[in-house]
Amino acid sequence: MKILIVEDEYELAQSIAEYLSSQKYLCEFAVDYQEALKKIGAHDYDCILLDLMLPGGNGMKILEHIKMRQKQDGVIIISAKDSLEDKIRGLHLGADDYLAKPFHLSELAARIYSLIRRKSFENTNIIQQNELQIDLLGKVASVNQQQLPLTKKELGLLLYFIANKNKVISKNALAEHLSGDLADMLDNHDFIYAHIKNLKKKLSEAGCANYLKTIYGTGYKWEK
């Protein structure tokens, strides 16, 4: 799952990223208004953590931009401005949640988890597809009640496919999901093939049906 941290306070952004990385999230940064607009326009995120007071512009304008483009990225406002007016305006503009500074990182992680679960997984903690089960809180996947030895990236891929079930996912989208804004710097997609090959092998060896289909020349699709 990919998070964009829009925050100009370096130490706060780093502490958020370190904590969320330990929770198996891929984190990217934007330190000012223009960089945030550029990244939001170029990439999709599971959740955007948005400070309102940014160098070069206001976070509310970024919310308006997201709404105008009809993007589906989840947004949690993180701001020292703890006014009722800002909360109401932010929620009306499309933010999913509002967390006033200072906050506990564990509470922020809980808000992110709740948002992603609500948007992508129909507000459930357990994903069940026949013999395959994924515990979102425990961040483990099992087949026939036997836990799979998945890496962080393999589990992230599995959740990404299931969140986009029955949709064809391009290789470029997968590269971006795995590597974030570094994807454009990669010469080829060999690392995608390696991760997907390993994921499919582990699922198959555990007795899981072949839900992950290769759409030749296009990408991959998780069928349900």
C-alpha atoms as a PDB file:
ATOM      1  CA  MET A   1       0.000   0.000   0.000  1.00  0.00           C
ATOM      2  CA  LYS A   2       1.367   3.370  -1.054  1.00  0.00           C
ATOM      3  CA  ILE A   3       1.262   6.555   1.038  1.00  0.00           C
ATOM      4  CA  LEU A   4       2.125  10.127   0.025  1.00  0.00           C
ATOM      5  CA  ILE A   5       3.252  12.305   2.940  1.00  0.00           C
ATOM      6  CA  VAL A   6       2.667  15.974   2.073  1.00  0.00           C
ATOM      7  CA  GLU A   7       4.524  17.676   4.913  1.00  0.00           C
ATOM      8  CA  ASP A   8       7.244  20.329   5.009  1.00  0.00           C
ATOM      9  CA  GLU A   9       8.437  19.506   8.554  1.00  0.00           C
ATOM     10  CA  TYR A  10      11.317  17.152   7.762  1.00  0.00           C
ATOM     11  CA  GLU A  11      11.588  15.427  11.146  1.00  0.00           C
ATOM     12  CA  LEU A  12       7.843  14.809  11.361  1.00  0.00           C
ATOM     13  CA  ALA A  13       7.694  13.454   7.803  1.00  0.00           C
ATOM     14  CA  GLN A  14      10.639  11.138   8.492  1.00  0.00           C
ATOM     15  CA  SER A  15       9.181   9.825  11.748  1.00  0.00           C
ATOM     16  CA  ILE A  16       5.837   9.151  10.023  1.00  0.00           C
ATOM     17  CA  ALA A  17       7.603   7.350   7.167  1.00  0.00           C
ATOM     18  CA  GLU A  18       9.729   5.223   9.500  1.00  0.00           C
ATOM     19  CA  TYR A  19       6.706   4.152  11.499  1.00  0.00           C
ATOM     20  CA  LEU A  20       4.532   3.419   8.463  1.00  0.00           C
ATOM     21  CA  SER A  21       7.365   1.574   6.716  1.00  0.00           C
ATOM     22  CA  SER A  22       7.530  -0.741   9.722  1.00  0.00           C
ATOM     23  CA  GLN A  23       3.814  -1.367   9.089  1.00  0.00           C
ATOM     24  CA  LYS A  24       4.646  -2.458   5.495  1.00  0.00           C
ATOM     25  CA  TYR A  25       3.581   0.738   3.716  1.00  0.00           C
ATOM     26  CA  LEU A  26       5.562   2.290   0.850  1.00  0.00           C
ATOM     27  CA  CYS A  27       6.035   5.989   1.625  1.00  0.00           C
ATOM     28  CA  GLU A  28       6.794   8.932  -0.665  1.00  0.00           C
ATOM     29  CA  PHE A  29       7.254  12.612   0.167  1.00  0.00           C
ATOM     30  CA  ALA A  30       6.184  16.024  -1.095  1.00  0.00           C
ATOM     31  CA  VAL A  31       7.566  19.003   0.819  1.00  0.00           C
ATOM     32  CA  ASP A  32       5.690  21.868  -0.850  1.00  0.00           C
ATOM     33  CA  TYR A  33       2.531  22.715  -2.778  1.00  0.00           C
ATOM     34  CA  GLN A  34       3.921  22.330  -6.297  1.00  0.00           C
ATOM     35  CA  GLU A  35       5.650  19.011  -5.617  1.00  0.00           C
ATOM     36  CA  ALA A  36       2.442  17.665  -4.081  1.00  0.00           C
ATOM     37  CA  LEU A  37       0.385  18.678  -7.130  1.00  0.00           C
ATOM     38  CA  LYS A  38       2.948  17.105  -9.465  1.00  0.00           C
ATOM     39  CA  LYS A  39       3.023  13.765  -7.634  1.00  0.00           C
ATOM     40  CA  ILE A  40      -0.745  13.568  -7.143  1.00  0.00           C
ATOM     41  CA  GLY A  41      -1.237  14.308 -10.834  1.00  0.00           C
ATOM     42  CA  ALA A  42       1.252  11.652 -11.932  1.00  0.00           C
ATOM     43  CA  HIS A  43       0.545   8.825  -9.472  1.00  0.00           C
ATOM     44  CA  ASP A  44      -2.240   7.116  -7.544  1.00  0.00           C
ATOM     45  CA  TYR A  45      -1.989   6.604  -3.785  1.00  0.00           C
ATOM     46  CA  ASP A  46      -3.887   4.480  -1.306  1.00  0.00           C
ATOM     47  CA  CYS A  47      -3.715   7.381   1.135  1.00  0.00           C
ATOM     48  CA  ILE A  48      -2.437  10.970   1.056  1.00  0.00           C
ATOM     49  CA  LEU A  49      -1.421  12.554   4.373  1.00  0.00           C
ATOM     50  CA  LEU A  50      -1.991  16.239   3.721  1.00  0.00           C
ATOM     51  CA  ASP A  51      -0.722  19.171   5.756  1.00  0.00           C
ATOM     52  CA  LEU A  52      -2.710  22.363   5.151  1.00  0.00           C
ATOM     53  CA  MET A  53       0.076  24.922   5.635  1.00  0.00           C
ATOM     54  CA  LEU A  54       2.591  24.307   2.846  1.00  0.00           C
ATOM     55  CA  PRO A  55       5.322  26.389   1.203  1.00  0.00           C
ATOM     56  CA  GLY A  56       3.887  27.781  -2.014  1.00  0.00           C
ATOM     57  CA  GLY A  57       0.198  27.125  -1.378  1.00  0.00           C
ATOM     58  CA  ASN A  58      -2.630  25.830   0.783  1.00  0.00           C
ATOM     59  CA  GLY A  59      -3.574  22.186   1.267  1.00  0.00           C
ATOM     60  CA  MET A  60      -7.245  23.011   0.703  1.00  0.00           C
ATOM     61  CA  LYS A  61      -6.385  23.900  -2.898  1.00  0.00           C
ATOM     62  CA  ILE A  62      -4.825  20.452  -3.280  1.00  0.00           C
ATOM     63  CA  LEU A  63      -8.081  18.913  -2.059  1.00  0.00           C
ATOM     64  CA  GLU A  64      -9.965  20.945  -4.666  1.00  0.00           C
ATOM     65  CA  HIS A  65      -7.532  19.680  -7.312  1.00  0.00           C
ATOM     66  CA  ILE A  66      -8.093  16.041  -6.272  1.00  0.00           C
ATOM     67  CA  LYS A  67     -11.868  16.524  -6.332  1.00  0.00           C
ATOM     68  CA  MET A  68     -11.804  18.264  -9.730  1.00  0.00           C
ATOM     69  CA  ARG A  69      -9.784  15.393 -11.253  1.00  0.00           C
ATOM     70  CA  GLN A  70     -12.162  12.861  -9.625  1.00  0.00           C
ATOM     71  CA  LYS A  71      -9.234  10.911  -8.181  1.00  0.00           C
ATOM     72  CA  GLN A  72     -10.035   8.131  -5.726  1.00  0.00           C
ATOM     73  CA  ASP A  73      -6.989   8.539  -3.458  1.00  0.00           C
ATOM     74  CA  GLY A  74      -7.879   8.522   0.231  1.00  0.00           C
ATOM     75  CA  VAL A  75      -6.955  11.753   2.062  1.00  0.00           C
ATOM     76  CA  ILE A  76      -6.263  12.358   5.741  1.00  0.00           C
ATOM     77  CA  ILE A  77      -5.588  15.976   6.690  1.00  0.00           C
ATOM     78  CA  ILE A  78      -2.805  16.301   9.302  1.00  0.00           C
ATOM     79  CA  SER A  79      -2.660  19.881  10.486  1.00  0.00           C
ATOM     80  CA  ALA A  80      -1.803  22.079  13.450  1.00  0.00           C
ATOM     81  CA  LYS A  81      -4.923  24.091  12.549  1.00  0.00           C
ATOM     82  CA  ASP A  82      -7.441  22.316  14.758  1.00  0.00           C
ATOM     83  CA  SER A  83     -10.450  24.508  13.959  1.00  0.00           C
ATOM     84  CA  LEU A  84     -13.969  23.240  13.375  1.00  0.00           C
ATOM     85  CA  GLU A  85     -14.212  25.397  10.247  1.00  0.00           C
ATOM     86  CA  ASP A  86     -11.132  23.754   8.700  1.00  0.00           C
ATOM     87  CA  LYS A  87     -12.414  20.272   9.536  1.00  0.00           C
ATOM     88  CA  ILE A  88     -15.817  20.936   7.968  1.00  0.00           C
ATOM     89  CA  ARG A  89     -14.352  22.573   4.872  1.00  0.00           C
ATOM     90  CA  GLY A  90     -11.784  19.805   4.412  1.00  0.00           C
ATOM     91  CA  LEU A  91     -14.400  17.050   4.705  1.00  0.00           C
ATOM     92  CA  HIS A  92     -16.715  18.893   2.305  1.00  0.00           C
ATOM     93  CA  LEU A  93     -13.871  19.116  -0.207  1.00  0.00           C
ATOM     94  CA  GLY A  94     -13.423  15.352  -0.109  1.00  0.00           C
ATOM     95  CA  ALA A  95     -11.012  14.555   2.724  1.00  0.00           C
ATOM     96  CA  ASP A  96     -11.762  11.240   4.426  1.00  0.00           C
ATOM     97  CA  ASP A  97     -10.453  12.165   7.872  1.00  0.00           C
ATOM     98  CA  TYR A  98      -8.824  14.960   9.875  1.00  0.00           C
ATOM     99  CA  LEU A  99      -6.116  14.504  12.523  1.00  0.00           C
ATOM    100  CA  ALA A 100      -4.832  17.476  14.505  1.00  0.00           C
ATOM    101  CA  LYS A 101      -1.141  17.828  15.397  1.00  0.00           C
ATOM    102  CA  PRO A 102       0.416  16.627  17.615  1.00  0.00           C
ATOM    103  CA  PHE A 103      -0.806  13.046  17.262  1.00  0.00           C
ATOM    104  CA  HIS A 104       0.388   9.565  18.165  1.00  0.00           C
ATOM    105  CA  LEU A 105       1.805   7.630  15.226  1.00  0.00           C
ATOM    106  CA  SER A 106      -0.175   4.567  16.299  1.00  0.00           C
ATOM    107  CA  GLU A 107      -3.410   6.565  15.973  1.00  0.00           C
ATOM    108  CA  LEU A 108      -2.376   7.823  12.517  1.00  0.00           C
ATOM    109  CA  ALA A 109      -1.647   4.247  11.416  1.00  0.00           C
ATOM    110  CA  ALA A 110      -5.051   3.155  12.721  1.00  0.00           C
ATOM    111  CA  ARG A 111      -6.783   5.933  10.762  1.00  0.00           C
ATOM    112  CA  ILE A 112      -4.900   4.959   7.575  1.00  0.00           C
ATOM    113  CA  TYR A 113      -5.770   1.298   8.034  1.00  0.00           C
ATOM    114  CA  SER A 114      -9.437   2.127   8.590  1.00  0.00           C
ATOM    115  CA  LEU A 115      -9.546   4.343   5.495  1.00  0.00           C
ATOM    116  CA  ILE A 116      -7.917   1.768   3.208  1.00  0.00           C
ATOM    117  CA  ARG A 117     -10.074  -1.039   4.589  1.00  0.00           C
ATOM    118  CA  ARG A 118     -13.204   1.009   3.967  1.00  0.00           C
ATOM    119  CA  LYS A 119     -12.247   2.074   0.438  1.00  0.00           C
ATOM    120  CA  SER A 120     -10.659  -1.108  -0.905  1.00  0.00           C
ATOM    121  CA  PHE A 121     -11.889  -4.041   1.152  1.00  0.00           C
ATOM    122  CA  GLU A 122     -15.524  -3.311   1.991  1.00  0.00           C
ATOM    123  CA  ASN A 123     -14.802  -2.440   5.623  1.00  0.00           C
ATOM    124  CA  THR A 124     -13.617  -5.903   6.640  1.00  0.00           C
ATOM    125  CA  ASN A 125     -10.547  -7.119   8.558  1.00  0.00           C
ATOM    126  CA  ILE A 126     -10.532 -10.550   6.898  1.00  0.00           C
ATOM    127  CA  ILE A 127     -10.538 -11.120   3.133  1.00  0.00           C
ATOM    128  CA  GLN A 128     -11.799 -14.576   2.205  1.00  0.00           C
ATOM    129  CA  GLN A 129     -11.817 -16.056  -1.284  1.00  0.00           C
ATOM    130  CA  ASN A 130     -12.529 -19.768  -1.083  1.00  0.00           C
ATOM    131  CA  GLU A 131      -9.345 -21.387   0.284  1.00  0.00           C
ATOM    132  CA  LEU A 132      -7.419 -18.077   0.449  1.00  0.00           C
ATOM    133  CA  GLN A 133      -7.651 -15.856   3.523  1.00  0.00           C
ATOM    134  CA  ILE A 134      -5.866 -12.584   4.273  1.00  0.00           C
ATOM    135  CA  ASP A 135      -5.784 -11.042   7.743  1.00  0.00           C
ATOM    136  CA  LEU A 136      -5.441  -7.296   7.116  1.00  0.00           C
ATOM    137  CA  LEU A 137      -4.619  -6.484  10.742  1.00  0.00           C
ATOM    138  CA  GLY A 138      -2.095  -9.267  11.110  1.00  0.00           C
ATOM    139  CA  LYS A 139      -0.777  -8.690   7.556  1.00  0.00           C
ATOM    140  CA  VAL A 140      -0.633 -12.418   6.836  1.00  0.00           C
ATOM    141  CA  ALA A 141      -2.097 -14.585   4.083  1.00  0.00           C
ATOM    142  CA  SER A 142      -3.102 -18.239   4.435  1.00  0.00           C
ATOM    143  CA  VAL A 143      -4.258 -21.019   2.123  1.00  0.00           C
ATOM    144  CA  ASN A 144      -6.333 -23.761   3.723  1.00  0.00           C
ATOM    145  CA  GLN A 145      -5.369 -22.265   7.113  1.00  0.00           C
ATOM    146  CA  GLN A 146      -1.631 -22.613   6.402  1.00  0.00           C
ATOM    147  CA  GLN A 147       0.259 -19.312   6.546  1.00  0.00           C
ATOM    148  CA  LEU A 148       2.097 -18.302   3.361  1.00  0.00           C
ATOM    149  CA  PRO A 149       5.763 -17.194   3.627  1.00  0.00           C
ATOM    150  CA  LEU A 150       5.195 -13.995   1.637  1.00  0.00           C
ATOM    151  CA  THR A 151       7.642 -11.115   1.518  1.00  0.00           C
ATOM    152  CA  LYS A 152       6.462  -7.562   2.132  1.00  0.00           C
ATOM    153  CA  LYS A 153       6.307  -6.836  -1.612  1.00  0.00           C
ATOM    154  CA  GLU A 154       4.518 -10.119  -2.382  1.00  0.00           C
ATOM    155  CA  LEU A 155       1.847  -9.415   0.211  1.00  0.00           C
ATOM    156  CA  GLY A 156       1.514  -5.870  -1.111  1.00  0.00           C
ATOM    157  CA  LEU A 157       1.065  -7.214  -4.635  1.00  0.00           C
ATOM    158  CA  LEU A 158      -1.551  -9.733  -3.480  1.00  0.00           C
ATOM    159  CA  LEU A 159      -3.570  -7.023  -1.732  1.00  0.00           C
ATOM    160  CA  TYR A 160      -3.215  -4.714  -4.744  1.00  0.00           C
ATOM    161  CA  PHE A 161      -4.564  -7.376  -7.092  1.00  0.00           C
ATOM    162  CA  ILE A 162      -7.484  -8.212  -4.790  1.00  0.00           C
ATOM    163  CA  ALA A 163      -8.339  -4.527  -4.274  1.00  0.00           C
ATOM    164  CA  ASN A 164      -8.544  -4.268  -8.085  1.00  0.00           C
ATOM    165  CA  LYS A 165     -10.161  -7.660  -8.707  1.00  0.00           C
ATOM    166  CA  ASN A 166     -11.455  -8.356 -12.208  1.00  0.00           C
ATOM    167  CA  LYS A 167      -9.487  -5.391 -13.589  1.00  0.00           C
ATOM    168  CA  VAL A 168      -6.504  -5.729 -15.908  1.00  0.00           C
ATOM    169  CA  ILE A 169      -3.486  -4.148 -14.193  1.00  0.00           C
ATOM    170  CA  SER A 170      -0.742  -2.950 -16.530  1.00  0.00           C
ATOM    171  CA  LYS A 171       2.951  -3.614 -15.958  1.00  0.00           C
ATOM    172  CA  ASN A 172       3.524   0.127 -15.573  1.00  0.00           C
ATOM    173  CA  ALA A 173       0.899   0.345 -12.825  1.00  0.00           C
ATOM    174  CA  LEU A 174       2.516  -2.596 -11.034  1.00  0.00           C
ATOM    175  CA  ALA A 175       5.963  -1.006 -11.338  1.00  0.00           C
ATOM    176  CA  GLU A 176       4.631   2.211  -9.836  1.00  0.00           C
ATOM    177  CA  HIS A 177       2.897   0.322  -7.040  1.00  0.00           C
ATOM    178  CA  LEU A 178       6.071  -1.585  -6.145  1.00  0.00           C
ATOM    179  CA  SER A 179       8.583   1.227  -6.565  1.00  0.00           C
ATOM    180  CA  GLY A 180       6.598   4.444  -6.287  1.00  0.00           C
ATOM    181  CA  ASP A 181       8.003   7.475  -8.072  1.00  0.00           C
ATOM    182  CA  LEU A 182      11.227   5.565  -8.823  1.00  0.00           C
ATOM    183  CA  ALA A 183       9.345   3.471 -11.402  1.00  0.00           C
ATOM    184  CA  ASP A 184      10.160   5.894 -14.232  1.00  0.00           C
ATOM    185  CA  MET A 185      13.875   5.341 -13.617  1.00  0.00           C
ATOM    186  CA  LEU A 186      13.713   1.579 -14.175  1.00  0.00           C
ATOM    187  CA  ASP A 187      14.991   0.222 -17.492  1.00  0.00           C
ATOM    188  CA  ASN A 188      12.719  -2.832 -17.595  1.00  0.00           C
ATOM    189  CA  HIS A 189      10.066  -4.742 -15.700  1.00  0.00           C
ATOM    190  CA  ASP A 190      12.109  -7.839 -14.836  1.00  0.00           C
ATOM    191  CA  PHE A 191      11.631  -7.202 -11.112  1.00  0.00           C
ATOM    192  CA  ILE A 192       7.839  -7.311 -11.609  1.00  0.00           C
ATOM    193  CA  TYR A 193       8.030 -10.692 -13.312  1.00  0.00           C
ATOM    194  CA  ALA A 194      10.225 -11.997 -10.492  1.00  0.00           C
ATOM    195  CA  HIS A 195       7.837 -10.880  -7.732  1.00  0.00           C
ATOM    196  CA  ILE A 196       4.746 -12.172  -9.536  1.00  0.00           C
ATOM    197  CA  LYS A 197       6.441 -15.475 -10.380  1.00  0.00           C
ATOM    198  CA  ASN A 198       7.334 -15.975  -6.714  1.00  0.00           C
ATOM    199  CA  LEU A 199       3.853 -14.982  -5.564  1.00  0.00           C
ATOM    200  CA  LYS A 200       2.147 -17.359  -7.986  1.00  0.00           C
ATOM    201  CA  LYS A 201       4.522 -20.166  -7.041  1.00  0.00           C
ATOM    202  CA  LYS A 202       3.864 -19.785  -3.311  1.00  0.00           C
ATOM    203  CA  LEU A 203       0.092 -19.648  -3.852  1.00  0.00           C
ATOM    204  CA  SER A 204       0.135 -22.703  -6.117  1.00  0.00           C
ATOM    205  CA  GLU A 205       2.389 -24.784  -3.857  1.00  0.00           C
ATOM    206  CA  ALA A 206       0.042 -24.079  -0.948  1.00  0.00           C
ATOM    207  CA  GLY A 207      -2.923 -25.408  -2.947  1.00  0.00           C
ATOM    208  CA  CYS A 208      -4.482 -22.096  -4.003  1.00  0.00           C
ATOM    209  CA  ALA A 209      -6.454 -21.961  -7.244  1.00  0.00           C
ATOM    210  CA  ASN A 210      -5.052 -19.901 -10.112  1.00  0.00           C
ATOM    211  CA  TYR A 211      -6.902 -16.609  -9.571  1.00  0.00           C
ATOM    212  CA  LEU A 212      -4.022 -14.496 -10.893  1.00  0.00           C
ATOM    213  CA  LYS A 213      -4.180 -14.541 -14.684  1.00  0.00           C
ATOM    214  CA  THR A 214      -1.573 -13.279 -17.143  1.00  0.00           C
ATOM    215  CA  ILE A 215      -3.128 -11.117 -19.865  1.00  0.00           C
ATOM    216  CA  TYR A 216      -0.465 -11.410 -22.525  1.00  0.00           C
ATOM    217  CA  GLY A 217       0.826  -8.126 -23.862  1.00  0.00           C
ATOM    218  CA  THR A 218      -1.233  -6.161 -21.346  1.00  0.00           C
ATOM    219  CA  GLY A 219      -0.681  -7.126 -17.718  1.00  0.00           C
ATOM    220  CA  TYR A 220      -2.365  -9.224 -15.051  1.00  0.00           C
ATOM    221  CA  LYS A 221      -5.838  -9.733 -13.626  1.00  0.00           C
ATOM    222  CA  TRP A 222      -7.106 -11.216 -10.354  1.00  0.00           C
ATOM    223  CA  GLU A 223     -10.321 -13.090 -11.061  1.00  0.00           C
ATOM    224  CA  LYS A 224     -13.050 -13.574  -8.497  1.00  0.00           C
END
